Amino acid sequence: AGKKAHPTQKPESLLARILLASTNRDDVILDPFFGTGTTG
């Protein structure tokens, strides 16, 4: 409705660096505070 959907949405660039650094293909990543799904 024209406003930020989530107040603390993280940039995809941050999550991409984290996942590239510390996971491999087909690994399982758990996000217990998923918000609007940047991790997914």
Full PDB file with SEQRES, HELIX, SHEET, SSBOND, CRYST1, ORIGX, SCALE, CONECT and MASTER records, all heavy atoms in Angstrom:
SEQRES   1 A   40  ALA GLY LYS LYS ALA HIS PRO THR GLN LYS PRO GLU SER          
SEQRES   2 A   40  LEU LEU ALA ARG ILE LEU LEU ALA SER THR ASN ARG ASP          
SEQRES   3 A   40  ASP VAL ILE LEU ASP PRO PHE PHE GLY THR GLY THR THR          
SEQRES   4 A   40  GLY                                                          
HELIX    1 AA1 GLU A   12  SER A   22  1                                  11    
CRYST1    1.000    1.000    1.000  90.00  90.00  90.00 P 1           1          
ORIGX1      1.000000  0.000000  0.000000        0.00000                         
ORIGX2      0.000000  1.000000  0.000000        0.00000                         
ORIGX3      0.000000  0.000000  1.000000        0.00000                         
SCALE1      1.000000  0.000000  0.000000        0.00000                         
SCALE2      0.000000  1.000000  0.000000        0.00000                         
SCALE3      0.000000  0.000000  1.000000        0.00000                         
ATOM      1  N   ALA A   1       0.835  -1.211   0.000  1.00  0.00           N  
ATOM      2  CA  ALA A   1       0.000   0.000   0.000  1.00  0.00           C  
ATOM      3  C   ALA A   1       0.867   1.258   0.000  1.00  0.00           C  
ATOM      4  O   ALA A   1       0.567   2.238   0.681  1.00  0.00           O  
ATOM      5  CB  ALA A   1      -0.939   0.002   1.206  1.00  0.00           C  
ATOM      6  N   GLY A   2       1.980   1.212  -0.759  1.00  0.00           N  
ATOM      7  CA  GLY A   2       2.834   2.382  -0.908  1.00  0.00           C  
ATOM      8  C   GLY A   2       3.829   2.601   0.211  1.00  0.00           C  
ATOM      9  O   GLY A   2       4.660   3.511   0.137  1.00  0.00           O  
ATOM     10  N   LYS A   3       3.779   1.780   1.258  1.00  0.00           N  
ATOM     11  CA  LYS A   3       4.703   1.908   2.386  1.00  0.00           C  
ATOM     12  C   LYS A   3       5.621   0.693   2.454  1.00  0.00           C  
ATOM     13  O   LYS A   3       5.337  -0.352   1.879  1.00  0.00           O  
ATOM     14  CB  LYS A   3       3.921   2.043   3.697  1.00  0.00           C  
ATOM     15  CG  LYS A   3       3.065   3.301   3.786  1.00  0.00           C  
ATOM     16  CD  LYS A   3       2.379   3.382   5.143  1.00  0.00           C  
ATOM     17  CE  LYS A   3       1.544   4.652   5.266  1.00  0.00           C  
ATOM     18  NZ  LYS A   3       0.885   4.740   6.598  1.00  0.00           N  
ATOM     19  N   LYS A   4       6.730   0.862   3.175  1.00  0.00           N  
ATOM     20  CA  LYS A   4       7.647  -0.268   3.351  1.00  0.00           C  
ATOM     21  C   LYS A   4       6.899  -1.457   3.945  1.00  0.00           C  
ATOM     22  O   LYS A   4       6.233  -1.327   4.972  1.00  0.00           O  
ATOM     23  CB  LYS A   4       8.808   0.126   4.270  1.00  0.00           C  
ATOM     24  CG  LYS A   4       9.779   1.106   3.668  1.00  0.00           C  
ATOM     25  CD  LYS A   4      11.011   1.296   4.527  1.00  0.00           C  
ATOM     26  CE  LYS A   4      10.714   1.941   5.855  1.00  0.00           C  
ATOM     27  NZ  LYS A   4      11.954   2.257   6.614  1.00  0.00           N  
ATOM     28  N   ALA A   5       7.027  -2.609   3.296  1.00  0.00           N  
ATOM     29  CA  ALA A   5       6.323  -3.793   3.785  1.00  0.00           C  
ATOM     30  C   ALA A   5       6.914  -4.289   5.098  1.00  0.00           C  
ATOM     31  O   ALA A   5       6.202  -4.843   5.935  1.00  0.00           O  
ATOM     32  CB  ALA A   5       6.368  -4.897   2.735  1.00  0.00           C  
ATOM     33  N   HIS A   6       8.216  -4.114   5.261  1.00  0.00           N  
ATOM     34  CA  HIS A   6       8.911  -4.564   6.473  1.00  0.00           C  
ATOM     35  C   HIS A   6       9.924  -3.494   6.861  1.00  0.00           C  
ATOM     36  O   HIS A   6      10.666  -3.009   6.006  1.00  0.00           O  
ATOM     37  CB  HIS A   6       9.607  -5.902   6.209  1.00  0.00           C  
ATOM     38  CG  HIS A   6      10.083  -6.601   7.448  1.00  0.00           C  
ATOM     39  ND1 HIS A   6      11.136  -6.136   8.202  1.00  0.00           N  
ATOM     40  CD2 HIS A   6       9.646  -7.734   8.060  1.00  0.00           C  
ATOM     41  CE1 HIS A   6      11.336  -6.949   9.226  1.00  0.00           C  
ATOM     42  NE2 HIS A   6      10.436  -7.924   9.167  1.00  0.00           N  
ATOM     43  N   PRO A   7       9.989  -3.119   8.140  1.00  0.00           N  
ATOM     44  CA  PRO A   7      10.865  -2.008   8.524  1.00  0.00           C  
ATOM     45  C   PRO A   7      12.354  -2.313   8.473  1.00  0.00           C  
ATOM     46  O   PRO A   7      13.167  -1.393   8.418  1.00  0.00           O  
ATOM     47  CB  PRO A   7      10.428  -1.700   9.961  1.00  0.00           C  
ATOM     48  CG  PRO A   7       9.855  -2.986  10.464  1.00  0.00           C  
ATOM     49  CD  PRO A   7       9.196  -3.625   9.275  1.00  0.00           C  
ATOM     50  N   THR A   8      12.717  -3.591   8.500  1.00  0.00           N  
ATOM     51  CA  THR A   8      14.149  -3.922   8.563  1.00  0.00           C  
ATOM     52  C   THR A   8      14.562  -4.903   7.470  1.00  0.00           C  
ATOM     53  O   THR A   8      15.411  -5.769   7.689  1.00  0.00           O  
ATOM     54  CB  THR A   8      14.527  -4.503   9.944  1.00  0.00           C  
ATOM     55  OG1 THR A   8      13.841  -5.753  10.139  1.00  0.00           O  
ATOM     56  CG2 THR A   8      14.165  -3.541  11.063  1.00  0.00           C  
ATOM     57  N   GLN A   9      13.973  -4.788   6.278  1.00  0.00           N  
ATOM     58  CA  GLN A   9      14.332  -5.677   5.172  1.00  0.00           C  
ATOM     59  C   GLN A   9      15.813  -5.525   4.841  1.00  0.00           C  
ATOM     60  O   GLN A   9      16.312  -4.431   4.609  1.00  0.00           O  
ATOM     61  CB  GLN A   9      13.496  -5.358   3.934  1.00  0.00           C  
ATOM     62  CG  GLN A   9      13.778  -6.279   2.750  1.00  0.00           C  
ATOM     63  CD  GLN A   9      12.966  -5.902   1.526  1.00  0.00           C  
ATOM     64  OE1 GLN A   9      11.912  -5.257   1.634  1.00  0.00           O  
ATOM     65  NE2 GLN A   9      13.429  -6.287   0.354  1.00  0.00           N  
ATOM     66  N   LYS A  10      16.538  -6.640   4.805  1.00  0.00           N  
ATOM     67  CA  LYS A  10      17.965  -6.619   4.518  1.00  0.00           C  
ATOM     68  C   LYS A  10      18.212  -6.716   3.016  1.00  0.00           C  
ATOM     69  O   LYS A  10      17.433  -7.338   2.284  1.00  0.00           O  
ATOM     70  CB  LYS A  10      18.674  -7.781   5.239  1.00  0.00           C  
ATOM     71  CG  LYS A  10      18.608  -7.692   6.765  1.00  0.00           C  
ATOM     72  CD  LYS A  10      19.248  -6.415   7.276  1.00  0.00           C  
ATOM     73  CE  LYS A  10      19.266  -6.323   8.792  1.00  0.00           C  
ATOM     74  NZ  LYS A  10      17.920  -6.076   9.380  1.00  0.00           N  
ATOM     75  N   PRO A  11      19.302  -6.121   2.537  1.00  0.00           N  
ATOM     76  CA  PRO A  11      19.601  -6.181   1.097  1.00  0.00           C  
ATOM     77  C   PRO A  11      20.025  -7.578   0.669  1.00  0.00           C  
ATOM     78  O   PRO A  11      20.701  -8.297   1.415  1.00  0.00           O  
ATOM     79  CB  PRO A  11      20.754  -5.180   0.938  1.00  0.00           C  
ATOM     80  CG  PRO A  11      21.414  -5.144   2.278  1.00  0.00           C  
ATOM     81  CD  PRO A  11      20.310  -5.347   3.281  1.00  0.00           C  
ATOM     82  N   GLU A  12      19.649  -7.950  -0.533  1.00  0.00           N  
ATOM     83  CA  GLU A  12      20.022  -9.265  -1.039  1.00  0.00           C  
ATOM     84  C   GLU A  12      21.531  -9.399  -1.181  1.00  0.00           C  
ATOM     85  O   GLU A  12      22.072 -10.503  -1.068  1.00  0.00           O  
ATOM     86  CB  GLU A  12      19.328  -9.524  -2.380  1.00  0.00           C  
ATOM     87  CG  GLU A  12      17.829  -9.708  -2.248  1.00  0.00           C  
ATOM     88  CD  GLU A  12      17.170 -10.186  -3.535  1.00  0.00           C  
ATOM     89  OE1 GLU A  12      17.908 -10.549  -4.485  1.00  0.00           O  
ATOM     90  OE2 GLU A  12      15.927 -10.219  -3.584  1.00  0.00           O  
ATOM     91  N   SER A  13      22.226  -8.297  -1.419  1.00  0.00           N  
ATOM     92  CA  SER A  13      23.688  -8.363  -1.550  1.00  0.00           C  
ATOM     93  C   SER A  13      24.341  -8.860  -0.272  1.00  0.00           C  
ATOM     94  O   SER A  13      25.348  -9.578  -0.309  1.00  0.00           O  
ATOM     95  CB  SER A  13      24.255  -6.995  -1.927  1.00  0.00           C  
ATOM     96  OG  SER A  13      23.920  -6.017  -0.948  1.00  0.00           O  
ATOM     97  N   LEU A  14      23.794  -8.498   0.885  1.00  0.00           N  
ATOM     98  CA  LEU A  14      24.341  -8.951   2.162  1.00  0.00           C  
ATOM     99  C   LEU A  14      24.146 -10.448   2.326  1.00  0.00           C  
ATOM    100  O   LEU A  14      25.083 -11.179   2.689  1.00  0.00           O  
ATOM    101  CB  LEU A  14      23.666  -8.197   3.308  1.00  0.00           C  
ATOM    102  CG  LEU A  14      24.118  -8.562   4.716  1.00  0.00           C  
ATOM    103  CD1 LEU A  14      25.568  -8.164   4.949  1.00  0.00           C  
ATOM    104  CD2 LEU A  14      23.211  -7.908   5.761  1.00  0.00           C  
ATOM    105  N   LEU A  15      22.947 -10.937   2.045  1.00  0.00           N  
ATOM    106  CA  LEU A  15      22.683 -12.376   2.177  1.00  0.00           C  
ATOM    107  C   LEU A  15      23.455 -13.184   1.153  1.00  0.00           C  
ATOM    108  O   LEU A  15      23.924 -14.291   1.435  1.00  0.00           O  
ATOM    109  CB  LEU A  15      21.188 -12.649   2.048  1.00  0.00           C  
ATOM    110  CG  LEU A  15      20.366 -12.639   3.343  1.00  0.00           C  
ATOM    111  CD1 LEU A  15      20.820 -13.761   4.274  1.00  0.00           C  
ATOM    112  CD2 LEU A  15      20.473 -11.311   4.068  1.00  0.00           C  
ATOM    113  N   ALA A  16      23.613 -12.633  -0.048  1.00  0.00           N  
ATOM    114  CA  ALA A  16      24.370 -13.357  -1.071  1.00  0.00           C  
ATOM    115  C   ALA A  16      25.809 -13.558  -0.622  1.00  0.00           C  
ATOM    116  O   ALA A  16      26.379 -14.648  -0.796  1.00  0.00           O  
ATOM    117  CB  ALA A  16      24.325 -12.589  -2.393  1.00  0.00           C  
ATOM    118  N   ARG A  17      26.408 -12.540  -0.029  1.00  0.00           N  
ATOM    119  CA  ARG A  17      27.789 -12.680   0.428  1.00  0.00           C  
ATOM    120  C   ARG A  17      27.893 -13.717   1.536  1.00  0.00           C  
ATOM    121  O   ARG A  17      28.830 -14.530   1.572  1.00  0.00           O  
ATOM    122  CB  ARG A  17      28.320 -11.327   0.898  1.00  0.00           C  
ATOM    123  CG  ARG A  17      29.807 -11.357   1.197  1.00  0.00           C  
ATOM    124  CD  ARG A  17      30.369  -9.974   1.478  1.00  0.00           C  
ATOM    125  NE  ARG A  17      30.309  -9.093   0.305  1.00  0.00           N  
ATOM    126  CZ  ARG A  17      30.935  -7.915   0.251  1.00  0.00           C  
ATOM    127  NH1 ARG A  17      31.647  -7.483   1.273  1.00  0.00           N  
ATOM    128  NH2 ARG A  17      30.837  -7.167  -0.835  1.00  0.00           N  
ATOM    129  N   ILE A  18      26.937 -13.709   2.446  1.00  0.00           N  
ATOM    130  CA  ILE A  18      26.950 -14.670   3.550  1.00  0.00           C  
ATOM    131  C   ILE A  18      26.805 -16.104   3.040  1.00  0.00           C  
ATOM    132  O   ILE A  18      27.558 -17.007   3.441  1.00  0.00           O  
ATOM    133  CB  ILE A  18      25.836 -14.335   4.557  1.00  0.00           C  
ATOM    134  CG1 ILE A  18      26.193 -13.051   5.329  1.00  0.00           C  
ATOM    135  CG2 ILE A  18      25.591 -15.492   5.523  1.00  0.00           C  
ATOM    136  CD1 ILE A  18      25.045 -12.500   6.133  1.00  0.00           C  
ATOM    137  N   LEU A  19      25.847 -16.323   2.149  1.00  0.00           N  
ATOM    138  CA  LEU A  19      25.614 -17.682   1.652  1.00  0.00           C  
ATOM    139  C   LEU A  19      26.745 -18.158   0.752  1.00  0.00           C  
ATOM    140  O   LEU A  19      27.127 -19.335   0.796  1.00  0.00           O  
ATOM    141  CB  LEU A  19      24.284 -17.759   0.911  1.00  0.00           C  
ATOM    142  CG  LEU A  19      23.028 -17.457   1.726  1.00  0.00           C  
ATOM    143  CD1 LEU A  19      21.779 -17.890   0.965  1.00  0.00           C  
ATOM    144  CD2 LEU A  19      23.060 -18.133   3.085  1.00  0.00           C  
ATOM    145  N   LEU A  20      27.312 -17.264  -0.055  1.00  0.00           N  
ATOM    146  CA  LEU A  20      28.456 -17.655  -0.883  1.00  0.00           C  
ATOM    147  C   LEU A  20      29.663 -17.989  -0.016  1.00  0.00           C  
ATOM    148  O   LEU A  20      30.449 -18.884  -0.340  1.00  0.00           O  
ATOM    149  CB  LEU A  20      28.809 -16.536  -1.854  1.00  0.00           C  
ATOM    150  CG  LEU A  20      27.893 -16.359  -3.062  1.00  0.00           C  
ATOM    151  CD1 LEU A  20      28.266 -15.096  -3.828  1.00  0.00           C  
ATOM    152  CD2 LEU A  20      27.964 -17.573  -3.985  1.00  0.00           C  
ATOM    153  N   ALA A  21      29.817 -17.282   1.099  1.00  0.00           N  
ATOM    154  CA  ALA A  21      30.975 -17.496   1.960  1.00  0.00           C  
ATOM    155  C   ALA A  21      30.889 -18.783   2.760  1.00  0.00           C  
ATOM    156  O   ALA A  21      31.899 -19.466   2.954  1.00  0.00           O  
ATOM    157  CB  ALA A  21      31.140 -16.307   2.913  1.00  0.00           C  
ATOM    158  N   SER A  22      29.695 -19.153   3.203  1.00  0.00           N  
ATOM    159  CA  SER A  22      29.613 -20.187   4.244  1.00  0.00           C  
ATOM    160  C   SER A  22      28.650 -21.323   3.943  1.00  0.00           C  
ATOM    161  O   SER A  22      28.303 -22.081   4.855  1.00  0.00           O  
ATOM    162  CB  SER A  22      29.233 -19.534   5.581  1.00  0.00           C  
ATOM    163  OG  SER A  22      28.091 -18.714   5.447  1.00  0.00           O  
ATOM    164  N   THR A  23      28.205 -21.457   2.690  1.00  0.00           N  
ATOM    165  CA  THR A  23      27.388 -22.611   2.310  1.00  0.00           C  
ATOM    166  C   THR A  23      27.805 -23.106   0.939  1.00  0.00           C  
ATOM    167  O   THR A  23      28.500 -22.419   0.189  1.00  0.00           O  
ATOM    168  CB  THR A  23      25.879 -22.280   2.271  1.00  0.00           C  
ATOM    169  OG1 THR A  23      25.632 -21.319   1.232  1.00  0.00           O  
ATOM    170  CG2 THR A  23      25.397 -21.735   3.591  1.00  0.00           C  
ATOM    171  N   ASN A  24      27.333 -24.299   0.612  1.00  0.00           N  
ATOM    172  CA  ASN A  24      27.546 -24.882  -0.717  1.00  0.00           C  
ATOM    173  C   ASN A  24      26.196 -25.203  -1.347  1.00  0.00           C  
ATOM    174  O   ASN A  24      25.150 -25.165  -0.679  1.00  0.00           O  
ATOM    175  CB  ASN A  24      28.381 -26.155  -0.611  1.00  0.00           C  
ATOM    176  CG  ASN A  24      29.769 -25.878  -0.066  1.00  0.00           C  
ATOM    177  OD1 ASN A  24      30.481 -25.011  -0.560  1.00  0.00           O  
ATOM    178  ND2 ASN A  24      30.162 -26.619   0.973  1.00  0.00           N  
ATOM    179  N   ARG A  25      26.227 -25.511  -2.618  1.00  0.00           N  
ATOM    180  CA  ARG A  25      24.996 -25.863  -3.319  1.00  0.00           C  
ATOM    181  C   ARG A  25      24.268 -26.997  -2.598  1.00  0.00           C  
ATOM    182  O   ARG A  25      24.892 -27.949  -2.109  1.00  0.00           O  
ATOM    183  CB  ARG A  25      25.332 -26.281  -4.759  1.00  0.00           C  
ATOM    184  CG  ARG A  25      24.104 -26.635  -5.581  1.00  0.00           C  
ATOM    185  CD  ARG A  25      24.470 -27.118  -6.962  1.00  0.00           C  
ATOM    186  NE  ARG A  25      23.273 -27.481  -7.707  1.00  0.00           N  
ATOM    187  CZ  ARG A  25      23.280 -28.002  -8.922  1.00  0.00           C  
ATOM    188  NH1 ARG A  25      24.420 -28.222  -9.540  1.00  0.00           N  
ATOM    189  NH2 ARG A  25      22.142 -28.305  -9.527  1.00  0.00           N  
ATOM    190  N   ASP A  26      22.951 -26.879  -2.501  1.00  0.00           N  
ATOM    191  CA  ASP A  26      22.043 -27.851  -1.884  1.00  0.00           C  
ATOM    192  C   ASP A  26      22.094 -27.855  -0.360  1.00  0.00           C  
ATOM    193  O   ASP A  26      21.382 -28.647   0.272  1.00  0.00           O  
ATOM    194  CB  ASP A  26      22.285 -29.272  -2.406  1.00  0.00           C  
ATOM    195  CG  ASP A  26      21.990 -29.401  -3.892  1.00  0.00           C  
ATOM    196  OD1 ASP A  26      21.077 -28.705  -4.370  1.00  0.00           O  
ATOM    197  OD2 ASP A  26      22.676 -30.186  -4.574  1.00  0.00           O  
ATOM    198  N   ASP A  27      22.909 -27.006   0.262  1.00  0.00           N  
ATOM    199  CA  ASP A  27      22.883 -26.895   1.724  1.00  0.00           C  
ATOM    200  C   ASP A  27      21.523 -26.387   2.186  1.00  0.00           C  
ATOM    201  O   ASP A  27      20.780 -25.749   1.433  1.00  0.00           O  
ATOM    202  CB  ASP A  27      23.976 -25.942   2.214  1.00  0.00           C  
ATOM    203  CG  ASP A  27      25.333 -26.605   2.321  1.00  0.00           C  
ATOM    204  OD1 ASP A  27      25.428 -27.821   2.063  1.00  0.00           O  
ATOM    205  OD2 ASP A  27      26.312 -25.913   2.663  1.00  0.00           O  
ATOM    206  N   VAL A  28      21.217 -26.654   3.452  1.00  0.00           N  
ATOM    207  CA  VAL A  28      19.953 -26.219   4.054  1.00  0.00           C  
ATOM    208  C   VAL A  28      20.230 -25.030   4.966  1.00  0.00           C  
ATOM    209  O   VAL A  28      21.015 -25.127   5.911  1.00  0.00           O  
ATOM    210  CB  VAL A  28      19.298 -27.352   4.859  1.00  0.00           C  
ATOM    211  CG1 VAL A  28      18.011 -26.864   5.527  1.00  0.00           C  
ATOM    212  CG2 VAL A  28      19.000 -28.547   3.959  1.00  0.00           C  
ATOM    213  N   ILE A  29      19.572 -23.899   4.679  1.00  0.00           N  
ATOM    214  CA  ILE A  29      19.732 -22.682   5.462  1.00  0.00           C  
ATOM    215  C   ILE A  29      18.438 -22.405   6.201  1.00  0.00           C  
ATOM    216  O   ILE A  29      17.363 -22.349   5.593  1.00  0.00           O  
ATOM    217  CB  ILE A  29      20.100 -21.477   4.573  1.00  0.00           C  
ATOM    218  CG1 ILE A  29      21.455 -21.703   3.899  1.00  0.00           C  
ATOM    219  CG2 ILE A  29      20.132 -20.194   5.389  1.00  0.00           C  
ATOM    220  CD1 ILE A  29      21.376 -21.976   2.446  1.00  0.00           C  
ATOM    221  N   LEU A  30      18.535 -22.240   7.500  1.00  0.00           N  
ATOM    222  CA  LEU A  30      17.378 -21.927   8.337  1.00  0.00           C  
ATOM    223  C   LEU A  30      17.398 -20.451   8.715  1.00  0.00           C  
ATOM    224  O   LEU A  30      18.416 -19.934   9.169  1.00  0.00           O  
ATOM    225  CB  LEU A  30      17.401 -22.782   9.609  1.00  0.00           C  
ATOM    226  CG  LEU A  30      16.461 -22.347  10.744  1.00  0.00           C  
ATOM    227  CD1 LEU A  30      15.006 -22.563  10.346  1.00  0.00           C  
ATOM    228  CD2 LEU A  30      16.790 -23.098  12.029  1.00  0.00           C  
ATOM    229  N   ASP A  31      16.257 -19.776   8.515  1.00  0.00           N  
ATOM    230  CA  ASP A  31      16.087 -18.397   8.964  1.00  0.00           C  
ATOM    231  C   ASP A  31      14.875 -18.361   9.887  1.00  0.00           C  
ATOM    232  O   ASP A  31      13.736 -18.419   9.427  1.00  0.00           O  
ATOM    233  CB  ASP A  31      15.881 -17.464   7.771  1.00  0.00           C  
ATOM    234  CG  ASP A  31      15.832 -15.993   8.170  1.00  0.00           C  
ATOM    235  OD1 ASP A  31      15.534 -15.710   9.345  1.00  0.00           O  
ATOM    236  OD2 ASP A  31      16.081 -15.132   7.306  1.00  0.00           O  
ATOM    237  N   PRO A  32      15.098 -18.258  11.212  1.00  0.00           N  
ATOM    238  CA  PRO A  32      13.971 -18.309  12.150  1.00  0.00           C  
ATOM    239  C   PRO A  32      13.202 -16.992  12.271  1.00  0.00           C  
ATOM    240  O   PRO A  32      12.195 -16.947  12.974  1.00  0.00           O  
ATOM    241  CB  PRO A  32      14.650 -18.678  13.469  1.00  0.00           C  
ATOM    242  CG  PRO A  32      16.033 -18.149  13.351  1.00  0.00           C  
ATOM    243  CD  PRO A  32      16.394 -18.256  11.895  1.00  0.00           C  
ATOM    244  N   PHE A  33      13.690 -15.925  11.622  1.00  0.00           N  
ATOM    245  CA  PHE A  33      13.001 -14.626  11.610  1.00  0.00           C  
ATOM    246  C   PHE A  33      12.926 -14.195  10.141  1.00  0.00           C  
ATOM    247  O   PHE A  33      13.586 -13.261   9.716  1.00  0.00           O  
ATOM    248  CB  PHE A  33      13.748 -13.609  12.462  1.00  0.00           C  
ATOM    249  CG  PHE A  33      14.026 -14.099  13.862  1.00  0.00           C  
ATOM    250  CD1 PHE A  33      15.254 -14.659  14.194  1.00  0.00           C  
ATOM    251  CD2 PHE A  33      13.055 -14.017  14.848  1.00  0.00           C  
ATOM    252  CE1 PHE A  33      15.517 -15.118  15.475  1.00  0.00           C  
ATOM    253  CE2 PHE A  33      13.300 -14.474  16.136  1.00  0.00           C  
ATOM    254  CZ  PHE A  33      14.529 -15.033  16.452  1.00  0.00           C  
ATOM    255  N   PHE A  34      12.115 -14.893   9.382  1.00  0.00           N  
ATOM    256  CA  PHE A  34      12.175 -14.884   7.927  1.00  0.00           C  
ATOM    257  C   PHE A  34      11.738 -13.567   7.303  1.00  0.00           C  
ATOM    258  O   PHE A  34      12.174 -13.223   6.206  1.00  0.00           O  
ATOM    259  CB  PHE A  34      11.305 -16.028   7.398  1.00  0.00           C  
ATOM    260  CG  PHE A  34      11.642 -16.486   6.011  1.00  0.00           C  
ATOM    261  CD1 PHE A  34      12.872 -17.051   5.722  1.00  0.00           C  
ATOM    262  CD2 PHE A  34      10.703 -16.385   4.993  1.00  0.00           C  
ATOM    263  CE1 PHE A  34      13.176 -17.502   4.444  1.00  0.00           C  
ATOM    264  CE2 PHE A  34      10.990 -16.836   3.717  1.00  0.00           C  
ATOM    265  CZ  PHE A  34      12.234 -17.384   3.444  1.00  0.00           C  
ATOM    266  N   GLY A  35      10.847 -12.839   7.987  1.00  0.00           N  
ATOM    267  CA  GLY A  35      10.384 -11.571   7.450  1.00  0.00           C  
ATOM    268  C   GLY A  35       9.761 -11.736   6.072  1.00  0.00           C  
ATOM    269  O   GLY A  35       8.929 -12.604   5.837  1.00  0.00           O  
ATOM    270  N   THR A  36      10.201 -10.895   5.132  1.00  0.00           N  
ATOM    271  CA  THR A  36       9.651 -10.936   3.773  1.00  0.00           C  
ATOM    272  C   THR A  36      10.498 -11.775   2.830  1.00  0.00           C  
ATOM    273  O   THR A  36      10.376 -11.658   1.611  1.00  0.00           O  
ATOM    274  CB  THR A  36       9.486  -9.512   3.225  1.00  0.00           C  
ATOM    275  OG1 THR A  36      10.715  -8.793   3.387  1.00  0.00           O  
ATOM    276  CG2 THR A  36       8.366  -8.775   3.946  1.00  0.00           C  
ATOM    277  N   GLY A  37      11.392 -12.607   3.385  1.00  0.00           N  
ATOM    278  CA  GLY A  37      11.979 -13.683   2.594  1.00  0.00           C  
ATOM    279  C   GLY A  37      13.267 -13.418   1.852  1.00  0.00           C  
ATOM    280  O   GLY A  37      13.562 -14.097   0.878  1.00  0.00           O  
ATOM    281  N   THR A  38      14.075 -12.458   2.319  1.00  0.00           N  
ATOM    282  CA  THR A  38      15.341 -12.201   1.626  1.00  0.00           C  
ATOM    283  C   THR A  38      16.225 -13.443   1.615  1.00  0.00           C  
ATOM    284  O   THR A  38      16.818 -13.793   0.585  1.00  0.00           O  
ATOM    285  CB  THR A  38      16.094 -11.029   2.280  1.00  0.00           C  
ATOM    286  OG1 THR A  38      15.263  -9.866   2.245  1.00  0.00           O  
ATOM    287  CG2 THR A  38      17.390 -10.736   1.546  1.00  0.00           C  
ATOM    288  N   THR A  39      16.316 -14.134   2.748  1.00  0.00           N  
ATOM    289  CA  THR A  39      17.146 -15.342   2.811  1.00  0.00           C  
ATOM    290  C   THR A  39      16.665 -16.396   1.821  1.00  0.00           C  
ATOM    291  O   THR A  39      17.459 -17.003   1.101  1.00  0.00           O  
ATOM    292  CB  THR A  39      17.136 -15.924   4.233  1.00  0.00           C  
ATOM    293  OG1 THR A  39      17.641 -14.943   5.145  1.00  0.00           O  
ATOM    294  CG2 THR A  39      17.997 -17.174   4.321  1.00  0.00           C  
ATOM    295  N   GLY A  40      15.365 -16.607   1.756  1.00  0.00           N  
ATOM    296  CA  GLY A  40      14.829 -17.600   0.837  1.00  0.00           C  
ATOM    297  C   GLY A  40      15.030 -17.234  -0.620  1.00  0.00           C  
ATOM    298  O   GLY A  40      15.339 -18.091  -1.453  1.00  0.00           O  
TER     299      GLY A  40                                                      
MASTER        0    0    0    1    0    0    0    6  298    1    0    4          
END                                                                             
